Amino acid sequence: MQISGHVAIISGGGSGLGAATARALADKGARVAIFDLNAEAAEAVAAEIGGAGFAVDVSDSAAVADAVAGAIAALGQAPRIAVNCAGIAPAAKVVGREGKLATEMFEKVIRVNLIGTYNVMSHAAGAMATLDPLDSGERGVVINTASIAYQDGQMGQSAYAASKGGVAAMALPAARDLAKLGIRVMTIAPGLFYTPMMEGLPDEVSETITRNIPFPARLGLPAEYALLATQIVENPYLNAETIRLDAAVRLPMR
């Protein structure tokens, strides 16, 4: 599917992987709606690329529905592209010090990362279904973001790994659900990327992390995630798969 002239929705588009993807799609001629919990960040990226910004809690289905309707009104057409980058990554052991449990945190991570992804995917796909198919038969494509932690989860990452494992597991059944509508569903599982989550780490911690990456021996760049996202949109035979984007890294236990 060609990108130019179509509408795209990016959740978590106010920073990091989402902002890079919004810029890449806009550079290729898409009209982009930015969804982000941080209203100022969403509006700043939208202003930069000539799109529309919306403050959205992706874990709230009604809020997502309103934002999708707002994006259609602002950009003049239902989306053909939706990329889910919104997520959180707090860490806690299953049983911590003095027997402390992390059940509330687990529920929050699942709600934002997994249910939030489902909310945006389902509302965006519902909007895509109203569009006429392109000559290829496609109506749209959804790209979700997992993480290599879904396979290599480290200590303290039970909640995050579970949420991202759920995202990866949705790819095939969601693609099967949406096939008759001409909507593809793909997942990217990024490795260690230079995002706001990483920027706050001390230099010595970043160096230790980078040392474990085989090649290229550096953190991934958000623009490299965005490049893969655009390639997925443009390649009509990619469907129902999770692609690791990780420079061959495998996470150690801690």
C-alpha atoms as a PDB file:
ATOM      1  CA  MET A   1       0.000   0.000   0.000  1.00  0.00           C
ATOM      2  CA  GLN A   2       1.314   3.395  -0.913  1.00  0.00           C
ATOM      3  CA  ILE A   3       1.489   5.796   2.020  1.00  0.00           C
ATOM      4  CA  SER A   4       0.956   9.115   0.272  1.00  0.00           C
ATOM      5  CA  GLY A   5      -2.497  10.614   0.598  1.00  0.00           C
ATOM      6  CA  HIS A   6      -3.708   8.311   3.364  1.00  0.00           C
ATOM      7  CA  VAL A   7      -4.516   9.015   7.007  1.00  0.00           C
ATOM      8  CA  ALA A   8      -2.470   7.408   9.784  1.00  0.00           C
ATOM      9  CA  ILE A   9      -3.073   7.176  13.516  1.00  0.00           C
ATOM     10  CA  ILE A  10      -0.071   6.808  15.827  1.00  0.00           C
ATOM     11  CA  SER A  11      -0.576   6.045  19.509  1.00  0.00           C
ATOM     12  CA  GLY A  12       2.276   7.138  21.746  1.00  0.00           C
ATOM     13  CA  GLY A  13       3.170   9.512  18.942  1.00  0.00           C
ATOM     14  CA  GLY A  14       4.352  12.319  21.190  1.00  0.00           C
ATOM     15  CA  SER A  15       7.852  10.898  21.672  1.00  0.00           C
ATOM     16  CA  GLY A  16      10.253   8.061  20.912  1.00  0.00           C
ATOM     17  CA  LEU A  17       9.268   5.367  18.421  1.00  0.00           C
ATOM     18  CA  GLY A  18       5.838   6.870  17.832  1.00  0.00           C
ATOM     19  CA  ALA A  19       7.102  10.366  17.058  1.00  0.00           C
ATOM     20  CA  ALA A  20       9.716   8.977  14.655  1.00  0.00           C
ATOM     21  CA  THR A  21       7.047   6.936  12.898  1.00  0.00           C
ATOM     22  CA  ALA A  22       4.741   9.935  12.643  1.00  0.00           C
ATOM     23  CA  ARG A  23       7.522  11.950  11.018  1.00  0.00           C
ATOM     24  CA  ALA A  24       8.423   9.144   8.611  1.00  0.00           C
ATOM     25  CA  LEU A  25       4.829   8.659   7.486  1.00  0.00           C
ATOM     26  CA  ALA A  26       4.307  12.404   7.098  1.00  0.00           C
ATOM     27  CA  ASP A  27       7.496  12.607   5.013  1.00  0.00           C
ATOM     28  CA  LYS A  28       5.939  10.025   2.705  1.00  0.00           C
ATOM     29  CA  GLY A  29       2.771  12.060   2.305  1.00  0.00           C
ATOM     30  CA  ALA A  30       0.454  10.709   5.010  1.00  0.00           C
ATOM     31  CA  ARG A  31      -1.839  12.892   7.093  1.00  0.00           C
ATOM     32  CA  VAL A  32      -1.107  11.884  10.663  1.00  0.00           C
ATOM     33  CA  ALA A  33      -3.096  11.959  13.898  1.00  0.00           C
ATOM     34  CA  ILE A  34      -1.026  11.766  17.077  1.00  0.00           C
ATOM     35  CA  PHE A  35      -2.548  10.080  20.139  1.00  0.00           C
ATOM     36  CA  ASP A  36      -0.650  10.546  23.391  1.00  0.00           C
ATOM     37  CA  LEU A  37      -1.447  10.800  27.092  1.00  0.00           C
ATOM     38  CA  ASN A  38       0.712  13.945  27.093  1.00  0.00           C
ATOM     39  CA  ALA A  39      -1.393  16.541  25.275  1.00  0.00           C
ATOM     40  CA  GLU A  40       1.476  19.016  24.820  1.00  0.00           C
ATOM     41  CA  ALA A  41       3.728  16.355  23.286  1.00  0.00           C
ATOM     42  CA  ALA A  42       0.977  15.194  20.904  1.00  0.00           C
ATOM     43  CA  GLU A  43       0.242  18.751  19.783  1.00  0.00           C
ATOM     44  CA  ALA A  44       3.942  19.597  19.361  1.00  0.00           C
ATOM     45  CA  VAL A  45       4.635  16.659  17.033  1.00  0.00           C
ATOM     46  CA  ALA A  46       1.375  17.271  15.176  1.00  0.00           C
ATOM     47  CA  ALA A  47       2.289  20.926  14.635  1.00  0.00           C
ATOM     48  CA  GLU A  48       5.725  19.912  13.341  1.00  0.00           C
ATOM     49  CA  ILE A  49       4.325  17.555  10.698  1.00  0.00           C
ATOM     50  CA  GLY A  50       1.070  19.322   9.862  1.00  0.00           C
ATOM     51  CA  GLY A  51      -1.089  16.709  11.554  1.00  0.00           C
ATOM     52  CA  ALA A  52      -3.575  16.639  14.431  1.00  0.00           C
ATOM     53  CA  GLY A  53      -2.828  15.938  18.089  1.00  0.00           C
ATOM     54  CA  PHE A  54      -5.135  14.344  20.649  1.00  0.00           C
ATOM     55  CA  ALA A  55      -4.762  13.698  24.372  1.00  0.00           C
ATOM     56  CA  VAL A  56      -5.776  10.051  24.736  1.00  0.00           C
ATOM     57  CA  ASP A  57      -5.653   7.439  27.475  1.00  0.00           C
ATOM     58  CA  VAL A  58      -5.462   4.337  25.281  1.00  0.00           C
ATOM     59  CA  SER A  59      -6.653   2.122  28.127  1.00  0.00           C
ATOM     60  CA  ASP A  60     -10.042   3.895  27.920  1.00  0.00           C
ATOM     61  CA  SER A  61     -12.039   2.469  25.000  1.00  0.00           C
ATOM     62  CA  ALA A  62     -14.496   5.377  24.916  1.00  0.00           C
ATOM     63  CA  ALA A  63     -11.647   7.905  24.837  1.00  0.00           C
ATOM     64  CA  VAL A  64     -10.032   6.050  21.934  1.00  0.00           C
ATOM     65  CA  ALA A  65     -13.333   5.963  20.045  1.00  0.00           C
ATOM     66  CA  ASP A  66     -13.715   9.728  20.497  1.00  0.00           C
ATOM     67  CA  ALA A  67     -10.141  10.347  19.353  1.00  0.00           C
ATOM     68  CA  VAL A  68     -10.569   8.213  16.225  1.00  0.00           C
ATOM     69  CA  ALA A  69     -13.727  10.160  15.379  1.00  0.00           C
ATOM     70  CA  GLY A  70     -11.835  13.394  16.037  1.00  0.00           C
ATOM     71  CA  ALA A  71      -8.980  12.316  13.768  1.00  0.00           C
ATOM     72  CA  ILE A  72     -11.410  11.535  10.949  1.00  0.00           C
ATOM     73  CA  ALA A  73     -13.060  14.931  11.367  1.00  0.00           C
ATOM     74  CA  ALA A  74      -9.739  16.779  11.498  1.00  0.00           C
ATOM     75  CA  LEU A  75      -8.015  14.962   8.633  1.00  0.00           C
ATOM     76  CA  GLY A  76     -11.005  14.383   6.384  1.00  0.00           C
ATOM     77  CA  GLN A  77     -10.875  10.610   6.021  1.00  0.00           C
ATOM     78  CA  ALA A  78     -10.832   7.382   8.021  1.00  0.00           C
ATOM     79  CA  PRO A  79      -7.353   5.973   8.626  1.00  0.00           C
ATOM     80  CA  ARG A  80      -5.748   3.319   6.464  1.00  0.00           C
ATOM     81  CA  ILE A  81      -2.727   3.061   8.787  1.00  0.00           C
ATOM     82  CA  ALA A  82      -2.598   2.618  12.558  1.00  0.00           C
ATOM     83  CA  VAL A  83       0.621   2.176  14.525  1.00  0.00           C
ATOM     84  CA  ASN A  84       0.491   1.394  18.242  1.00  0.00           C
ATOM     85  CA  CYS A  85       3.519   2.701  20.151  1.00  0.00           C
ATOM     86  CA  ALA A  86       1.918   3.752  23.451  1.00  0.00           C
ATOM     87  CA  GLY A  87       3.220   1.814  26.431  1.00  0.00           C
ATOM     88  CA  ILE A  88       4.737   1.820  29.890  1.00  0.00           C
ATOM     89  CA  ALA A  89       7.506  -0.321  31.386  1.00  0.00           C
ATOM     90  CA  PRO A  90       7.641  -0.242  35.208  1.00  0.00           C
ATOM     91  CA  ALA A  91       9.588  -3.098  36.787  1.00  0.00           C
ATOM     92  CA  ALA A  92       8.933  -5.151  39.915  1.00  0.00           C
ATOM     93  CA  LYS A  93       9.581  -8.717  41.016  1.00  0.00           C
ATOM     94  CA  VAL A  94       6.643 -11.077  41.441  1.00  0.00           C
ATOM     95  CA  VAL A  95       7.477 -11.167  45.154  1.00  0.00           C
ATOM     96  CA  GLY A  96       9.687  -8.313  46.264  1.00  0.00           C
ATOM     97  CA  ARG A  97      11.323  -7.302  49.496  1.00  0.00           C
ATOM     98  CA  GLU A  98       9.457  -8.247  52.643  1.00  0.00           C
ATOM     99  CA  GLY A  99       6.984 -10.243  50.558  1.00  0.00           C
ATOM    100  CA  LYS A 100       5.634  -7.205  48.715  1.00  0.00           C
ATOM    101  CA  LEU A 101       3.479  -8.129  45.708  1.00  0.00           C
ATOM    102  CA  ALA A 102       3.118  -6.177  42.460  1.00  0.00           C
ATOM    103  CA  THR A 103      -0.452  -7.066  41.479  1.00  0.00           C
ATOM    104  CA  GLU A 104      -1.673  -3.484  41.028  1.00  0.00           C
ATOM    105  CA  MET A 105       1.290  -2.626  38.819  1.00  0.00           C
ATOM    106  CA  PHE A 106       0.722  -5.806  36.777  1.00  0.00           C
ATOM    107  CA  GLU A 107      -2.892  -4.833  36.149  1.00  0.00           C
ATOM    108  CA  LYS A 108      -1.919  -1.299  35.098  1.00  0.00           C
ATOM    109  CA  VAL A 109       0.724  -2.512  32.637  1.00  0.00           C
ATOM    110  CA  ILE A 110      -1.692  -4.998  31.071  1.00  0.00           C
ATOM    111  CA  ARG A 111      -4.357  -2.315  30.807  1.00  0.00           C
ATOM    112  CA  VAL A 112      -2.105   0.213  29.066  1.00  0.00           C
ATOM    113  CA  ASN A 113       0.104  -2.026  26.925  1.00  0.00           C
ATOM    114  CA  LEU A 114      -2.248  -4.842  25.965  1.00  0.00           C
ATOM    115  CA  ILE A 115      -5.790  -3.542  26.346  1.00  0.00           C
ATOM    116  CA  GLY A 116      -4.667  -0.129  25.083  1.00  0.00           C
ATOM    117  CA  THR A 117      -3.218  -1.726  21.958  1.00  0.00           C
ATOM    118  CA  TYR A 118      -6.430  -3.698  21.439  1.00  0.00           C
ATOM    119  CA  ASN A 119      -8.544  -0.569  21.876  1.00  0.00           C
ATOM    120  CA  VAL A 120      -6.681   1.426  19.229  1.00  0.00           C
ATOM    121  CA  MET A 121      -6.475  -1.562  16.868  1.00  0.00           C
ATOM    122  CA  SER A 122     -10.166  -2.343  17.089  1.00  0.00           C
ATOM    123  CA  HIS A 123     -11.445   1.233  16.784  1.00  0.00           C
ATOM    124  CA  ALA A 124      -9.018   2.016  13.954  1.00  0.00           C
ATOM    125  CA  ALA A 125      -9.942  -1.188  12.112  1.00  0.00           C
ATOM    126  CA  GLY A 126     -13.620  -0.370  12.510  1.00  0.00           C
ATOM    127  CA  ALA A 127     -12.972   2.950  10.799  1.00  0.00           C
ATOM    128  CA  MET A 128     -10.865   1.315   8.073  1.00  0.00           C
ATOM    129  CA  ALA A 129     -13.738  -1.053   7.321  1.00  0.00           C
ATOM    130  CA  THR A 130     -15.846   1.905   6.146  1.00  0.00           C
ATOM    131  CA  LEU A 131     -13.370   2.739   3.368  1.00  0.00           C
ATOM    132  CA  ASP A 132     -13.490   1.408  -0.164  1.00  0.00           C
ATOM    133  CA  PRO A 133     -10.742  -1.130  -0.850  1.00  0.00           C
ATOM    134  CA  LEU A 134      -7.736  -0.046  -2.871  1.00  0.00           C
ATOM    135  CA  ASP A 135      -6.900  -1.716  -6.195  1.00  0.00           C
ATOM    136  CA  SER A 136      -4.874  -4.281  -4.225  1.00  0.00           C
ATOM    137  CA  GLY A 137      -7.935  -5.177  -2.146  1.00  0.00           C
ATOM    138  CA  GLU A 138      -6.439  -3.565   0.961  1.00  0.00           C
ATOM    139  CA  ARG A 139      -8.384  -1.298   3.232  1.00  0.00           C
ATOM    140  CA  GLY A 140      -5.621  -0.763   5.769  1.00  0.00           C
ATOM    141  CA  VAL A 141      -2.855  -2.043   8.000  1.00  0.00           C
ATOM    142  CA  VAL A 142      -2.372  -2.096  11.767  1.00  0.00           C
ATOM    143  CA  ILE A 143       1.140  -2.283  13.246  1.00  0.00           C
ATOM    144  CA  ASN A 144       1.393  -3.129  16.937  1.00  0.00           C
ATOM    145  CA  THR A 145       4.490  -2.862  19.109  1.00  0.00           C
ATOM    146  CA  ALA A 146       5.590  -5.770  21.265  1.00  0.00           C
ATOM    147  CA  SER A 147       9.138  -6.064  22.659  1.00  0.00           C
ATOM    148  CA  ILE A 148      11.866  -8.670  22.643  1.00  0.00           C
ATOM    149  CA  ALA A 149      11.037  -8.938  26.356  1.00  0.00           C
ATOM    150  CA  TYR A 150       8.057 -11.069  25.352  1.00  0.00           C
ATOM    151  CA  GLN A 151      10.595 -13.822  24.626  1.00  0.00           C
ATOM    152  CA  ASP A 152      13.600 -12.700  26.709  1.00  0.00           C
ATOM    153  CA  GLY A 153      11.946 -11.098  29.730  1.00  0.00           C
ATOM    154  CA  GLN A 154      14.389 -10.168  32.468  1.00  0.00           C
ATOM    155  CA  MET A 155      13.989 -10.181  36.230  1.00  0.00           C
ATOM    156  CA  GLY A 156      11.351  -7.672  37.220  1.00  0.00           C
ATOM    157  CA  GLN A 157       9.720  -7.731  33.780  1.00  0.00           C
ATOM    158  CA  SER A 158       6.884 -10.206  34.361  1.00  0.00           C
ATOM    159  CA  ALA A 159       4.208  -7.562  33.815  1.00  0.00           C
ATOM    160  CA  TYR A 160       5.902  -5.972  30.811  1.00  0.00           C
ATOM    161  CA  ALA A 161       6.741  -9.333  29.211  1.00  0.00           C
ATOM    162  CA  ALA A 162       3.193 -10.588  29.730  1.00  0.00           C
ATOM    163  CA  SER A 163       1.702  -7.471  28.159  1.00  0.00           C
ATOM    164  CA  LYS A 164       4.010  -7.616  25.160  1.00  0.00           C
ATOM    165  CA  GLY A 165       3.541 -11.364  24.816  1.00  0.00           C
ATOM    166  CA  GLY A 166      -0.174 -10.685  24.546  1.00  0.00           C
ATOM    167  CA  VAL A 167       0.435  -8.106  21.842  1.00  0.00           C
ATOM    168  CA  ALA A 168       2.548 -10.567  19.839  1.00  0.00           C
ATOM    169  CA  ALA A 169       0.008 -13.358  20.302  1.00  0.00           C
ATOM    170  CA  MET A 170      -2.782 -11.172  18.879  1.00  0.00           C
ATOM    171  CA  ALA A 171      -1.127 -10.807  15.467  1.00  0.00           C
ATOM    172  CA  LEU A 172      -2.345 -14.048  13.894  1.00  0.00           C
ATOM    173  CA  PRO A 173      -5.926 -14.194  15.240  1.00  0.00           C
ATOM    174  CA  ALA A 174      -6.442 -10.462  14.639  1.00  0.00           C
ATOM    175  CA  ALA A 175      -5.129 -10.809  11.078  1.00  0.00           C
ATOM    176  CA  ARG A 176      -7.498 -13.713  10.536  1.00  0.00           C
ATOM    177  CA  ASP A 177     -10.407 -11.721  11.980  1.00  0.00           C
ATOM    178  CA  LEU A 178      -9.712  -8.761   9.707  1.00  0.00           C
ATOM    179  CA  ALA A 179      -8.659 -10.592   6.534  1.00  0.00           C
ATOM    180  CA  LYS A 180     -12.100 -10.442   4.909  1.00  0.00           C
ATOM    181  CA  LEU A 181     -12.046  -6.678   5.397  1.00  0.00           C
ATOM    182  CA  GLY A 182      -8.684  -6.362   3.648  1.00  0.00           C
ATOM    183  CA  ILE A 183      -6.887  -5.219   6.803  1.00  0.00           C
ATOM    184  CA  ARG A 184      -3.448  -6.583   7.694  1.00  0.00           C
ATOM    185  CA  VAL A 185      -2.064  -6.846  11.241  1.00  0.00           C
ATOM    186  CA  MET A 186       1.667  -6.892  11.933  1.00  0.00           C
ATOM    187  CA  THR A 187       3.797  -6.612  15.064  1.00  0.00           C
ATOM    188  CA  ILE A 188       7.275  -5.186  15.616  1.00  0.00           C
ATOM    189  CA  ALA A 189       9.228  -6.413  18.646  1.00  0.00           C
ATOM    190  CA  PRO A 190      11.963  -3.808  19.219  1.00  0.00           C
ATOM    191  CA  GLY A 191      15.125  -4.570  21.105  1.00  0.00           C
ATOM    192  CA  LEU A 192      17.074  -1.920  22.996  1.00  0.00           C
ATOM    193  CA  PHE A 193      16.269   1.456  21.488  1.00  0.00           C
ATOM    194  CA  TYR A 194      17.300   5.001  22.296  1.00  0.00           C
ATOM    195  CA  THR A 195      13.978   6.296  23.597  1.00  0.00           C
ATOM    196  CA  PRO A 196      12.961   8.485  26.556  1.00  0.00           C
ATOM    197  CA  MET A 197      12.997   5.335  28.728  1.00  0.00           C
ATOM    198  CA  MET A 198      16.700   4.866  27.956  1.00  0.00           C
ATOM    199  CA  GLU A 199      17.706   8.522  28.015  1.00  0.00           C
ATOM    200  CA  GLY A 200      17.335   8.696  31.784  1.00  0.00           C
ATOM    201  CA  LEU A 201      19.795   5.882  32.482  1.00  0.00           C
ATOM    202  CA  PRO A 202      23.298   6.635  33.823  1.00  0.00           C
ATOM    203  CA  ASP A 203      26.088   6.403  31.221  1.00  0.00           C
ATOM    204  CA  GLU A 204      27.618   3.328  32.856  1.00  0.00           C
ATOM    205  CA  VAL A 205      24.283   1.485  32.694  1.00  0.00           C
ATOM    206  CA  SER A 206      23.836   2.394  29.025  1.00  0.00           C
ATOM    207  CA  GLU A 207      27.368   1.170  28.280  1.00  0.00           C
ATOM    208  CA  THR A 208      26.656  -2.161  29.983  1.00  0.00           C
ATOM    209  CA  ILE A 209      23.462  -2.587  27.976  1.00  0.00           C
ATOM    210  CA  THR A 210      25.170  -1.716  24.695  1.00  0.00           C
ATOM    211  CA  ARG A 211      27.989  -4.180  25.377  1.00  0.00           C
ATOM    212  CA  ASN A 212      25.529  -7.066  25.022  1.00  0.00           C
ATOM    213  CA  ILE A 213      24.350  -6.041  21.531  1.00  0.00           C
ATOM    214  CA  PRO A 214      26.169  -8.071  18.820  1.00  0.00           C
ATOM    215  CA  PHE A 215      25.898  -5.871  15.704  1.00  0.00           C
ATOM    216  CA  PRO A 216      25.450  -3.003  15.276  1.00  0.00           C
ATOM    217  CA  ALA A 217      26.796  -2.658  18.830  1.00  0.00           C
ATOM    218  CA  ARG A 218      24.624   0.299  19.777  1.00  0.00           C
ATOM    219  CA  LEU A 219      21.097   1.155  20.777  1.00  0.00           C
ATOM    220  CA  GLY A 220      18.547   1.164  17.991  1.00  0.00           C
ATOM    221  CA  LEU A 221      17.402   4.495  16.614  1.00  0.00           C
ATOM    222  CA  PRO A 222      13.710   5.427  16.572  1.00  0.00           C
ATOM    223  CA  ALA A 223      14.124   6.215  12.869  1.00  0.00           C
ATOM    224  CA  GLU A 224      15.036   2.550  12.296  1.00  0.00           C
ATOM    225  CA  TYR A 225      11.781   1.420  13.894  1.00  0.00           C
ATOM    226  CA  ALA A 226       9.963   3.977  11.730  1.00  0.00           C
ATOM    227  CA  LEU A 227      11.705   2.655   8.619  1.00  0.00           C
ATOM    228  CA  LEU A 228      10.454  -0.860   9.313  1.00  0.00           C
ATOM    229  CA  ALA A 229       6.943   0.449   9.964  1.00  0.00           C
ATOM    230  CA  THR A 230       6.857   2.186   6.583  1.00  0.00           C
ATOM    231  CA  GLN A 231       8.218  -0.924   4.870  1.00  0.00           C
ATOM    232  CA  ILE A 232       5.464  -3.024   6.451  1.00  0.00           C
ATOM    233  CA  VAL A 233       2.825  -0.613   5.163  1.00  0.00           C
ATOM    234  CA  GLU A 234       4.287  -0.721   1.667  1.00  0.00           C
ATOM    235  CA  ASN A 235       4.705  -4.513   1.445  1.00  0.00           C
ATOM    236  CA  PRO A 236       1.214  -6.014   0.956  1.00  0.00           C
ATOM    237  CA  TYR A 237       2.281  -9.623   1.600  1.00  0.00           C
ATOM    238  CA  LEU A 238       3.413  -9.008   5.169  1.00  0.00           C
ATOM    239  CA  ASN A 239       0.664 -10.124   7.520  1.00  0.00           C
ATOM    240  CA  ALA A 240       0.178 -11.796  10.923  1.00  0.00           C
ATOM    241  CA  GLU A 241       3.881 -11.829  11.822  1.00  0.00           C
ATOM    242  CA  THR A 242       6.017 -10.483  14.656  1.00  0.00           C
ATOM    243  CA  ILE A 243       9.381  -9.119  13.518  1.00  0.00           C
ATOM    244  CA  ARG A 244      12.219  -8.744  16.029  1.00  0.00           C
ATOM    245  CA  LEU A 245      14.180  -5.555  15.397  1.00  0.00           C
ATOM    246  CA  ASP A 246      17.098  -6.069  17.755  1.00  0.00           C
ATOM    247  CA  ALA A 247      20.603  -6.281  16.183  1.00  0.00           C
ATOM    248  CA  ALA A 248      20.716  -9.969  17.266  1.00  0.00           C
ATOM    249  CA  VAL A 249      20.610  -9.186  20.986  1.00  0.00           C
ATOM    250  CA  ARG A 250      19.194 -11.659  23.506  1.00  0.00           C
ATOM    251  CA  LEU A 251      18.440 -10.243  26.939  1.00  0.00           C
ATOM    252  CA  PRO A 252      20.298 -11.814  29.885  1.00  0.00           C
ATOM    253  CA  MET A 253      18.529 -12.726  33.116  1.00  0.00           C
ATOM    254  CA  ARG A 254      19.174  -9.287  34.626  1.00  0.00           C
END
